[in-house]
N, C-alpha and C. Protein backbone atom coordinates (compact mmCIF):
# COMPACT_ATOMS: atom_id res chain seq x y z
N MET A 1 70.32 59.81 149.08
CA MET A 1 70.55 60.93 149.38
C MET A 1 69.71 61.95 148.65
N GLY A 2 68.83 62.99 149.43
CA GLY A 2 68.02 63.68 149.15
C GLY A 2 68.68 64.98 148.59
N THR A 3 68.46 65.70 147.53
CA THR A 3 69.17 67.16 147.34
C THR A 3 68.40 68.05 147.50
N GLN A 4 68.55 69.38 147.89
CA GLN A 4 67.88 70.31 148.07
C GLN A 4 67.44 71.35 146.82
N ALA A 5 66.24 71.18 146.59
CA ALA A 5 65.37 71.76 145.50
C ALA A 5 65.74 73.11 145.26
N LEU A 6 66.19 73.46 143.96
CA LEU A 6 66.35 74.97 143.37
C LEU A 6 65.09 75.76 143.64
N THR A 7 65.23 76.95 144.17
CA THR A 7 64.29 77.59 144.27
C THR A 7 64.13 79.17 143.67
N THR A 8 63.18 79.80 143.06
CA THR A 8 63.56 81.11 142.66
C THR A 8 62.78 81.96 143.83
N THR A 9 62.17 81.84 145.12
CA THR A 9 61.61 82.25 146.06
C THR A 9 62.26 82.47 146.97
N ILE A 10 63.58 83.39 146.94
CA ILE A 10 64.18 83.71 148.00
C ILE A 10 63.81 85.19 148.41
N GLU A 11 63.69 85.40 150.00
CA GLU A 11 63.66 86.56 150.61
C GLU A 11 64.35 87.55 149.88
N ASP A 12 63.89 88.96 149.75
CA ASP A 12 64.76 90.01 149.51
C ASP A 12 66.11 90.61 150.66
N SER A 13 65.80 89.98 152.15
CA SER A 13 66.84 90.43 153.33
C SER A 13 68.07 89.80 153.04
N PRO A 14 69.20 90.37 153.05
CA PRO A 14 70.50 89.60 152.49
C PRO A 14 70.48 88.81 154.00
N ALA A 15 71.28 87.68 153.68
CA ALA A 15 71.84 86.73 154.89
C ALA A 15 73.33 87.43 155.44
N ARG A 16 73.65 87.09 156.59
CA ARG A 16 74.93 87.29 157.13
C ARG A 16 75.88 87.65 156.35
N ARG A 17 76.42 86.44 155.42
CA ARG A 17 77.24 86.77 154.45
C ARG A 17 76.58 85.94 153.38
N GLU A 18 76.66 86.61 152.08
CA GLU A 18 75.95 86.05 151.02
C GLU A 18 76.53 86.14 149.43
N LEU A 19 76.81 85.10 148.76
CA LEU A 19 77.40 85.01 147.51
C LEU A 19 76.45 84.83 146.36
N LEU A 20 76.86 85.78 145.38
CA LEU A 20 75.80 85.69 144.14
C LEU A 20 76.38 85.34 143.00
N LEU A 21 76.15 83.99 142.37
CA LEU A 21 76.98 83.54 141.39
C LEU A 21 76.21 83.81 140.12
N GLY A 22 76.89 83.48 138.41
CA GLY A 22 76.41 83.48 137.59
C GLY A 22 76.90 83.93 136.33
N GLY A 23 76.45 83.97 135.13
CA GLY A 23 77.25 84.38 134.12
C GLY A 23 76.86 85.90 133.93
N GLN A 24 77.65 86.34 132.78
CA GLN A 24 77.16 87.98 132.65
C GLN A 24 75.69 88.30 132.18
N LYS A 25 75.56 89.03 132.57
CA LYS A 25 74.13 89.57 132.49
C LYS A 25 73.18 88.65 133.07
N SER A 26 73.69 87.90 134.19
CA SER A 26 72.54 87.08 134.81
C SER A 26 71.77 87.54 135.62
N GLY A 27 72.03 88.60 136.46
CA GLY A 27 70.99 89.50 137.09
C GLY A 27 71.81 89.76 138.43
N LYS A 28 73.13 89.24 138.72
CA LYS A 28 73.82 89.10 139.82
C LYS A 28 73.96 90.55 140.55
N SER A 29 74.33 91.54 139.87
CA SER A 29 74.74 92.99 140.41
C SER A 29 73.51 93.51 140.36
N ARG A 30 71.79 93.22 139.78
CA ARG A 30 70.73 93.96 140.28
C ARG A 30 70.26 92.83 141.56
N ARG A 31 70.43 91.83 141.36
CA ARG A 31 70.06 91.25 142.68
C ARG A 31 70.77 91.78 144.07
N ALA A 32 71.90 91.94 143.76
CA ALA A 32 72.82 92.67 144.89
C ALA A 32 72.50 93.92 145.43
N GLU A 33 71.86 94.68 144.45
CA GLU A 33 71.13 96.00 144.80
C GLU A 33 70.02 96.01 145.45
N GLN A 34 68.99 94.81 144.97
CA GLN A 34 67.75 94.68 145.46
C GLN A 34 68.16 94.32 147.08
N LEU A 35 69.01 93.65 147.30
CA LEU A 35 69.56 93.02 148.49
C LEU A 35 69.76 94.32 149.73
N ALA A 36 70.57 95.16 149.03
CA ALA A 36 70.92 96.59 149.53
C ALA A 36 69.52 97.49 149.55
N ALA A 37 68.77 97.38 148.84
CA ALA A 37 67.51 98.39 149.06
C ALA A 37 66.72 97.88 150.15
N SER A 38 66.51 96.41 150.21
CA SER A 38 65.89 96.10 151.21
C SER A 38 66.31 96.34 152.61
N TRP A 39 67.72 96.14 152.63
CA TRP A 39 68.65 96.70 153.87
C TRP A 39 68.55 97.65 154.15
N LEU A 40 68.28 98.81 153.28
CA LEU A 40 67.86 100.29 153.64
C LEU A 40 66.58 100.63 153.97
N ALA A 41 65.84 99.80 153.65
CA ALA A 41 64.26 100.30 153.74
C ALA A 41 64.01 99.96 155.17
N GLN A 42 64.47 98.96 155.73
CA GLN A 42 64.68 98.68 157.29
C GLN A 42 64.79 99.77 158.13
N GLY A 43 65.42 100.80 157.70
CA GLY A 43 65.60 102.09 158.52
C GLY A 43 66.67 101.96 159.60
N GLY A 44 66.33 102.50 160.69
CA GLY A 44 67.14 102.30 161.90
C GLY A 44 68.66 102.63 161.71
N GLY A 45 69.17 103.79 161.07
CA GLY A 45 70.46 104.25 160.80
C GLY A 45 71.24 103.47 160.03
N ARG A 46 70.49 102.31 159.19
CA ARG A 46 71.38 101.48 158.44
C ARG A 46 71.60 102.50 156.89
N CYS A 47 72.61 101.89 156.46
CA CYS A 47 73.69 102.30 155.34
C CYS A 47 74.15 101.40 154.76
N ALA A 48 74.32 101.63 153.23
CA ALA A 48 74.66 100.36 152.38
C ALA A 48 75.78 100.84 151.73
N VAL A 49 77.28 100.33 151.28
CA VAL A 49 78.24 100.61 150.59
C VAL A 49 78.60 99.57 149.58
N LEU A 50 78.84 100.04 148.44
CA LEU A 50 79.19 99.08 147.26
C LEU A 50 80.76 99.42 147.08
N LEU A 51 81.39 98.14 147.57
CA LEU A 51 83.12 98.08 147.08
C LEU A 51 83.22 97.65 145.74
N ALA A 52 83.46 98.79 144.76
CA ALA A 52 83.36 98.43 143.29
C ALA A 52 84.95 98.05 143.26
N THR A 53 85.28 96.70 142.22
CA THR A 53 86.44 96.61 141.59
C THR A 53 86.66 96.84 140.23
N ALA A 54 85.94 97.13 139.56
CA ALA A 54 86.20 97.76 137.96
C ALA A 54 87.22 98.66 137.88
N GLN A 55 88.04 98.30 137.03
CA GLN A 55 89.12 99.60 136.59
C GLN A 55 89.00 99.68 135.19
N ALA A 56 88.80 100.85 134.79
CA ALA A 56 88.73 101.48 133.42
C ALA A 56 90.36 101.59 132.48
N HIS A 57 90.38 100.58 131.76
CA HIS A 57 91.89 100.81 131.10
C HIS A 57 91.38 101.08 129.70
N ASP A 58 90.33 101.17 129.27
CA ASP A 58 90.06 101.51 128.01
C ASP A 58 88.82 102.66 127.88
N ALA A 59 88.17 103.32 126.78
CA ALA A 59 87.28 104.07 126.62
C ALA A 59 85.60 103.39 127.10
N GLU A 60 85.65 101.99 126.21
CA GLU A 60 84.55 101.00 126.42
C GLU A 60 84.28 101.04 127.76
N MET A 61 85.34 100.42 128.39
CA MET A 61 85.13 99.95 129.80
C MET A 61 84.91 101.56 131.02
N GLN A 62 85.27 102.39 130.61
CA GLN A 62 85.07 103.87 131.35
C GLN A 62 83.87 104.14 131.25
N ALA A 63 83.39 104.08 129.71
CA ALA A 63 81.84 104.21 129.49
C ALA A 63 80.92 103.23 130.14
N ARG A 64 81.23 102.23 130.27
CA ARG A 64 80.65 101.10 131.00
C ARG A 64 80.28 101.35 132.45
N ILE A 65 81.54 101.57 133.03
CA ILE A 65 81.63 101.88 134.51
C ILE A 65 80.54 103.02 134.49
N GLU A 66 81.14 104.07 134.13
CA GLU A 66 79.92 105.50 134.38
C GLU A 66 78.49 105.25 133.63
N ARG A 67 78.04 104.16 133.02
CA ARG A 67 76.63 103.72 132.77
C ARG A 67 76.47 102.93 133.85
N HIS A 68 76.89 102.32 134.63
CA HIS A 68 76.53 101.46 135.45
C HIS A 68 76.37 102.46 137.17
N ARG A 69 77.19 103.37 137.11
CA ARG A 69 77.06 104.31 138.14
C ARG A 69 75.74 105.24 138.12
N ALA A 70 75.50 105.59 136.79
CA ALA A 70 74.13 106.29 136.88
C ALA A 70 73.23 105.65 136.96
N ASP A 71 72.81 104.46 136.48
CA ASP A 71 71.91 103.32 136.42
C ASP A 71 71.74 103.02 137.84
N ARG A 72 73.19 103.11 138.66
CA ARG A 72 72.84 102.62 140.15
C ARG A 72 72.20 103.43 140.98
N ALA A 73 72.83 104.69 140.77
CA ALA A 73 72.23 105.99 141.53
C ALA A 73 70.84 106.46 141.21
N ASP A 74 70.36 105.93 140.26
CA ASP A 74 68.61 105.94 139.66
C ASP A 74 67.91 105.26 140.68
N ARG A 75 68.49 103.85 140.73
CA ARG A 75 67.60 102.70 141.41
C ARG A 75 67.72 102.91 142.62
N ILE A 76 69.16 103.05 143.07
CA ILE A 76 69.17 103.27 144.83
C ILE A 76 70.04 104.31 145.20
N PRO A 77 69.61 105.48 144.98
CA PRO A 77 70.81 106.49 145.52
C PRO A 77 71.23 106.61 146.71
N ASP A 78 70.54 105.87 147.51
CA ASP A 78 71.50 105.75 149.18
C ASP A 78 72.35 104.74 148.97
N LEU A 79 72.76 104.33 148.06
CA LEU A 79 73.80 102.94 147.93
C LEU A 79 75.21 103.76 147.85
N ARG A 80 76.16 104.31 148.52
CA ARG A 80 77.43 104.52 148.37
C ARG A 80 78.45 103.86 147.74
N CYS A 81 79.36 104.35 146.93
CA CYS A 81 79.91 103.50 146.13
C CYS A 81 81.64 103.72 146.66
N VAL A 82 82.44 103.07 147.00
CA VAL A 82 83.82 102.81 147.38
C VAL A 82 84.80 101.91 146.37
N GLU A 83 85.56 102.89 145.57
CA GLU A 83 86.51 102.34 144.56
C GLU A 83 87.49 101.24 145.40
N ALA A 84 87.38 99.73 145.27
CA ALA A 84 88.36 98.97 146.00
C ALA A 84 89.13 98.12 144.75
N PRO A 85 89.68 98.44 143.77
CA PRO A 85 90.27 97.65 142.89
C PRO A 85 91.03 96.47 143.04
N LEU A 86 91.88 96.66 144.45
CA LEU A 86 93.02 95.59 144.86
C LEU A 86 93.08 95.32 145.85
N ASP A 87 92.74 96.29 147.23
CA ASP A 87 92.76 95.90 148.64
C ASP A 87 91.64 96.03 148.88
N LEU A 88 90.75 94.95 148.56
CA LEU A 88 89.31 94.42 149.11
C LEU A 88 89.49 94.16 150.64
N ALA A 89 90.40 93.40 151.22
CA ALA A 89 90.57 92.69 152.40
C ALA A 89 90.51 93.99 153.39
N GLY A 90 91.10 95.30 152.72
CA GLY A 90 91.30 96.51 153.90
C GLY A 90 90.12 97.29 153.31
N ALA A 91 89.31 97.08 152.21
CA ALA A 91 87.92 98.15 152.14
C ALA A 91 86.85 97.47 152.90
N ILE A 92 86.77 96.24 153.29
CA ILE A 92 85.95 95.51 154.05
C ILE A 92 86.18 95.91 155.39
N ALA A 93 87.08 95.76 155.63
CA ALA A 93 87.65 95.93 157.34
C ALA A 93 87.42 97.70 157.49
N ALA A 94 87.78 98.52 156.59
CA ALA A 94 87.33 99.93 156.71
C ALA A 94 86.05 100.45 156.71
N HIS A 95 85.14 99.76 155.97
CA HIS A 95 83.75 100.26 155.65
C HIS A 95 82.86 99.46 156.63
N GLY A 96 83.28 97.96 157.06
CA GLY A 96 82.31 97.13 157.51
C GLY A 96 81.99 97.90 159.42
N ALA A 97 80.37 97.47 159.25
CA ALA A 97 79.81 98.14 160.77
C ALA A 97 78.71 97.08 160.93
N PRO A 98 78.31 97.11 162.21
CA PRO A 98 76.92 96.55 162.27
C PRO A 98 75.59 96.66 161.46
N GLN A 99 75.97 98.05 161.42
CA GLN A 99 74.64 98.51 160.53
C GLN A 99 74.84 99.03 159.10
N VAL A 100 76.21 98.26 158.78
CA VAL A 100 76.54 98.86 157.33
C VAL A 100 76.41 97.13 156.41
N LEU A 101 75.61 97.55 155.28
CA LEU A 101 75.68 96.36 154.27
C LEU A 101 76.77 96.80 153.27
N LEU A 102 77.64 95.78 153.27
CA LEU A 102 78.71 96.13 152.27
C LEU A 102 78.48 95.03 150.78
N VAL A 103 78.51 95.56 149.78
CA VAL A 103 78.16 94.61 148.59
C VAL A 103 79.54 95.07 147.62
N VAL A 104 80.24 93.75 147.56
CA VAL A 104 81.31 93.63 146.91
C VAL A 104 80.92 93.16 145.46
N ASP A 105 81.07 94.27 144.20
CA ASP A 105 81.07 94.01 142.89
C ASP A 105 82.22 94.44 142.33
N CYS A 106 82.97 93.39 141.71
CA CYS A 106 82.69 91.96 142.03
C CYS A 106 84.18 91.28 142.20
N LEU A 107 84.17 89.91 142.57
CA LEU A 107 85.43 89.08 143.10
C LEU A 107 86.03 88.83 141.64
N THR A 108 84.91 88.71 140.54
CA THR A 108 85.96 88.36 139.29
C THR A 108 86.51 89.10 139.13
N LEU A 109 86.44 90.59 138.95
CA LEU A 109 87.78 91.54 138.54
C LEU A 109 88.47 91.90 139.24
N TRP A 110 88.14 91.46 140.44
CA TRP A 110 89.16 91.71 141.64
C TRP A 110 90.42 90.96 141.55
N LEU A 111 89.96 89.43 141.16
CA LEU A 111 91.03 88.76 140.63
C LEU A 111 91.58 88.77 139.29
N THR A 112 91.15 89.42 138.80
CA THR A 112 91.56 89.81 137.51
C THR A 112 92.43 90.94 137.41
N ASN A 113 92.33 91.80 138.10
CA ASN A 113 93.24 92.84 138.64
C ASN A 113 94.49 92.32 139.24
N ARG A 114 94.27 91.46 140.34
CA ARG A 114 95.62 90.75 140.76
C ARG A 114 96.44 89.89 139.78
N MET A 115 95.55 88.88 138.89
CA MET A 115 96.19 87.90 138.25
C MET A 115 96.89 88.29 136.55
N MET A 116 95.95 89.31 135.98
CA MET A 116 96.06 89.66 134.92
C MET A 116 96.05 91.34 134.55
N PRO A 117 96.91 92.12 135.34
CA PRO A 117 96.78 93.57 135.64
C PRO A 117 97.57 93.78 134.03
N MET A 118 97.49 95.17 134.30
CA MET A 118 98.05 95.85 132.43
C MET A 118 99.51 95.65 132.77
N GLY A 119 99.96 96.15 133.87
CA GLY A 119 101.36 95.88 134.10
C GLY A 119 101.87 94.76 134.52
N GLU A 120 102.97 94.92 135.38
CA GLU A 120 103.59 93.39 135.45
C GLU A 120 102.52 92.63 136.67
N PRO A 121 102.43 91.39 136.48
CA PRO A 121 101.44 90.29 137.50
C PRO A 121 102.11 90.24 138.59
N GLU A 122 101.45 90.19 139.51
CA GLU A 122 101.89 90.01 140.92
C GLU A 122 102.12 88.37 141.14
N PRO A 123 103.26 88.08 141.92
CA PRO A 123 103.78 86.74 141.97
C PRO A 123 102.65 86.07 142.83
N ALA A 124 102.39 84.50 142.41
CA ALA A 124 101.28 84.01 142.89
C ALA A 124 101.49 83.90 144.40
N ALA A 125 102.31 83.61 144.81
CA ALA A 125 102.58 83.77 146.40
C ALA A 125 101.66 84.93 147.05
N ARG A 126 101.81 86.04 146.51
CA ARG A 126 101.33 87.41 146.92
C ARG A 126 99.64 87.39 146.84
N ILE A 127 99.31 86.86 145.61
CA ILE A 127 97.77 86.75 145.06
C ILE A 127 97.32 85.57 146.24
N ALA A 128 97.81 84.36 146.56
CA ALA A 128 97.20 83.60 147.47
C ALA A 128 96.95 84.25 148.90
N ILE A 129 98.08 85.41 149.27
CA ILE A 129 98.00 85.77 150.33
C ILE A 129 96.70 87.02 150.44
N ALA A 130 96.79 87.54 149.37
CA ALA A 130 95.64 88.35 149.28
C ALA A 130 94.18 87.72 149.55
N GLN A 131 93.98 86.64 148.92
CA GLN A 131 92.91 85.68 148.65
C GLN A 131 92.76 85.40 150.07
N ASP A 132 93.61 84.70 151.16
CA ASP A 132 93.80 84.70 152.57
C ASP A 132 92.88 85.97 153.19
N GLU A 133 93.97 86.79 153.17
CA GLU A 133 93.24 88.13 153.68
C GLU A 133 91.61 88.27 153.54
N LEU A 134 91.57 88.47 152.11
CA LEU A 134 89.89 88.79 151.83
C LEU A 134 88.99 87.97 152.56
N LEU A 135 89.61 86.10 152.69
CA LEU A 135 88.60 85.48 153.65
C LEU A 135 88.29 85.83 155.03
N ALA A 136 89.75 86.17 155.43
CA ALA A 136 89.89 86.79 157.27
C ALA A 136 89.03 87.85 157.24
N ALA A 137 88.97 88.76 156.46
CA ALA A 137 88.10 90.18 156.40
C ALA A 137 86.75 89.73 156.41
N LEU A 138 86.31 88.81 155.39
CA LEU A 138 85.26 88.42 155.12
C LEU A 138 84.26 87.64 156.56
N GLN A 139 85.20 86.88 157.32
CA GLN A 139 85.03 86.69 158.60
C GLN A 139 84.95 87.36 159.88
N ALA A 140 85.32 88.42 159.59
CA ALA A 140 85.48 89.26 160.52
C ALA A 140 84.67 90.41 160.77
N ALA A 141 83.94 90.51 158.94
CA ALA A 141 83.14 91.84 159.10
C ALA A 141 81.90 92.03 160.14
N PRO A 142 81.96 92.99 160.70
CA PRO A 142 80.84 93.17 161.63
C PRO A 142 79.37 93.17 161.06
N GLY A 143 79.11 93.55 160.31
CA GLY A 143 77.83 93.39 159.41
C GLY A 143 77.64 92.64 158.55
N PRO A 144 76.61 92.89 157.47
CA PRO A 144 76.28 91.62 156.45
C PRO A 144 77.06 92.20 155.03
N VAL A 145 77.52 91.16 154.38
CA VAL A 145 78.50 91.24 153.31
C VAL A 145 77.52 90.63 152.06
N VAL A 146 77.56 91.07 150.98
CA VAL A 146 76.90 90.35 149.53
C VAL A 146 78.19 90.54 148.79
N LEU A 147 78.29 89.15 148.34
CA LEU A 147 79.35 89.37 147.35
C LEU A 147 78.99 88.76 145.89
N VAL A 148 79.13 89.28 145.00
CA VAL A 148 79.00 89.20 143.86
C VAL A 148 80.27 88.16 142.67
N SER A 149 80.27 87.44 142.04
CA SER A 149 81.23 86.66 141.44
C SER A 149 80.62 85.84 140.25
N ASN A 150 81.41 85.66 139.28
CA ASN A 150 80.70 85.21 137.64
C ASN A 150 81.54 83.43 138.19
N GLU A 151 80.41 82.95 137.83
CA GLU A 151 80.70 81.24 137.49
C GLU A 151 81.16 81.27 135.95
N ILE A 152 82.47 80.88 135.44
CA ILE A 152 82.78 81.35 134.19
C ILE A 152 83.33 79.45 133.62
N GLY A 153 83.52 78.88 134.50
CA GLY A 153 83.80 77.21 134.35
C GLY A 153 82.50 76.57 133.61
N LEU A 154 81.43 77.06 133.07
CA LEU A 154 80.76 76.07 132.67
C LEU A 154 80.84 75.90 130.89
N GLY A 155 81.60 76.85 130.17
CA GLY A 155 81.96 76.61 128.95
C GLY A 155 82.82 75.75 128.23
N VAL A 156 83.47 76.04 127.26
CA VAL A 156 84.52 75.26 126.61
C VAL A 156 85.93 75.72 127.41
N ILE A 157 86.85 74.81 127.53
CA ILE A 157 87.94 74.78 128.02
C ILE A 157 88.66 76.00 127.52
N PRO A 158 89.43 76.97 127.91
CA PRO A 158 90.09 78.07 127.19
C PRO A 158 91.55 77.56 126.76
N LEU A 159 91.75 77.68 125.66
CA LEU A 159 93.06 77.26 124.77
C LEU A 159 94.58 77.75 125.71
N GLY A 160 94.45 78.89 126.26
CA GLY A 160 95.67 79.73 126.81
C GLY A 160 95.93 79.41 128.29
N ALA A 161 97.02 78.99 128.40
CA ALA A 161 97.70 78.59 129.77
C ALA A 161 97.00 79.81 130.91
N GLN A 162 97.39 81.02 130.73
CA GLN A 162 96.96 82.00 131.61
C GLN A 162 95.56 82.17 131.71
N VAL A 163 94.64 82.07 130.52
CA VAL A 163 93.33 81.83 130.86
C VAL A 163 92.56 80.61 131.88
N ARG A 164 93.30 79.57 131.60
CA ARG A 164 92.84 78.36 131.98
C ARG A 164 93.24 78.65 133.69
N GLY A 165 94.42 78.97 133.93
CA GLY A 165 94.91 79.20 135.26
C GLY A 165 93.94 80.24 135.83
N PHE A 166 93.57 81.44 135.14
CA PHE A 166 92.67 81.95 135.89
C PHE A 166 91.26 81.38 136.23
N VAL A 167 90.65 80.56 135.13
CA VAL A 167 89.46 79.78 135.54
C VAL A 167 89.34 79.04 136.64
N ASP A 168 90.43 78.44 136.84
CA ASP A 168 90.51 77.62 137.98
C ASP A 168 90.87 78.32 139.23
N ALA A 169 91.56 79.61 139.11
CA ALA A 169 92.05 80.25 140.48
C ALA A 169 90.43 80.98 140.74
N LEU A 170 89.81 81.31 139.91
CA LEU A 170 88.30 81.90 140.26
C LEU A 170 87.59 81.07 140.94
N GLY A 171 87.18 79.74 140.25
CA GLY A 171 86.50 78.80 140.79
C GLY A 171 86.91 78.03 142.17
N MET A 172 88.08 78.04 142.53
CA MET A 172 88.58 77.96 143.92
C MET A 172 88.36 79.14 144.72
N LEU A 173 88.23 80.28 144.38
CA LEU A 173 88.13 81.38 145.24
C LEU A 173 86.53 81.34 145.46
N ASN A 174 86.00 80.92 144.56
CA ASN A 174 84.37 80.73 144.70
C ASN A 174 83.65 79.82 145.48
N GLN A 175 84.69 78.66 145.61
CA GLN A 175 84.64 77.54 146.43
C GLN A 175 84.65 78.20 148.08
N ARG A 176 85.75 78.90 148.16
CA ARG A 176 86.17 79.07 149.36
C ARG A 176 85.35 80.27 149.92
N VAL A 177 84.82 81.41 149.37
CA VAL A 177 83.99 82.02 149.76
C VAL A 177 82.63 81.69 149.88
N ALA A 178 82.12 80.42 149.17
CA ALA A 178 80.49 80.09 149.36
C ALA A 178 80.73 79.11 150.69
N ALA A 179 81.76 78.76 150.89
CA ALA A 179 82.26 78.01 152.06
C ALA A 179 81.73 78.74 153.63
N LEU A 180 82.30 80.12 153.25
CA LEU A 180 81.88 80.77 154.57
C LEU A 180 80.99 81.57 154.24
N CYS A 181 80.14 81.78 153.36
CA CYS A 181 78.71 82.00 153.65
C CYS A 181 77.29 81.19 153.82
N ASP A 182 76.61 82.50 154.68
CA ASP A 182 75.35 81.68 154.98
C ASP A 182 74.58 81.51 153.98
N ARG A 183 74.34 81.85 152.78
CA ARG A 183 73.40 81.73 151.58
C ARG A 183 74.38 81.92 150.46
N VAL A 184 74.22 80.98 149.59
CA VAL A 184 74.74 81.22 147.96
C VAL A 184 73.31 80.92 147.08
N CYS A 185 73.80 81.93 146.14
CA CYS A 185 72.35 81.85 145.03
C CYS A 185 73.19 81.73 143.56
N PHE A 186 72.67 81.08 142.77
CA PHE A 186 73.26 81.42 141.29
C PHE A 186 71.87 81.80 140.80
N MET A 187 72.39 83.06 139.80
CA MET A 187 71.69 83.74 139.18
C MET A 187 71.59 83.51 137.54
N ALA A 188 70.67 83.10 137.07
CA ALA A 188 70.28 82.98 135.80
C ALA A 188 69.08 83.53 135.13
N ALA A 189 69.09 84.39 134.03
CA ALA A 189 68.22 84.93 133.45
C ALA A 189 67.56 85.76 134.46
N GLY A 190 68.11 86.49 135.39
CA GLY A 190 67.41 87.42 136.30
C GLY A 190 66.77 86.72 137.60
N LEU A 191 66.74 85.35 137.67
CA LEU A 191 66.13 84.60 138.67
C LEU A 191 67.21 83.88 139.45
N PRO A 192 67.07 84.09 141.01
CA PRO A 192 67.99 83.16 141.94
C PRO A 192 67.80 81.98 142.23
N MET A 193 68.50 81.36 142.17
CA MET A 193 68.44 79.60 142.49
C MET A 193 69.14 79.39 143.90
N LEU A 194 68.61 79.00 144.38
CA LEU A 194 69.30 78.78 145.96
C LEU A 194 69.98 77.32 146.00
N LEU A 195 71.48 77.54 146.61
CA LEU A 195 72.37 76.84 146.10
C LEU A 195 72.54 76.11 147.78
N LYS A 196 72.56 77.22 148.39
CA LYS A 196 73.06 77.21 150.32
C LYS A 196 72.42 77.86 150.85
N GLY A 197 71.71 77.43 152.29
CA GLY A 197 70.95 78.41 153.18
C GLY A 197 69.68 78.33 152.88
N GLN A 198 69.11 79.25 153.56
CA GLN A 198 67.37 79.46 153.72
C GLN A 198 67.12 80.28 152.85
N ALA A 199 66.07 79.96 152.11
CA ALA A 199 65.14 80.96 151.32
C ALA A 199 64.65 81.97 152.03
């Protein structure tokens, strides 16, 4: 049985639904911005909305978020940002439209906000419902959606049960989202490698 060759020659036009996976600083978010810029460059009343899931619980994270906002504004000023740390399904439904590209950055932080919040964690059943709602919203989105997520299961097995549970949960969420997406790319050193779909 043949296997699909990995490639870094992938067009900059977003797929109908696209998932970008990779490690930290692998180029996932920058690739999502490139897809948004390509979408916007086609004109015709198109717009792009970033659904940001990060929350600032300390000064370092606040500074990181502000730095990302400023850098993003320089690179792609027409990309509008909406905070969606918890109700990602609602944000997709509220902001999706045929002429709107949604960029979800990122699924990892969204799941962290659900499973490991600063306060009391949500019940597992509620987290499962939220994931089902997210997948339903993704399927129903009337315009293109680009999702960013981390691949965190490639390193050593974490010692703590909570962290092991999170790694498992994110891996399963990535699999479910990838199954719905038309194109899936793995990012490494700023280079996209095609895992699913057309280049």
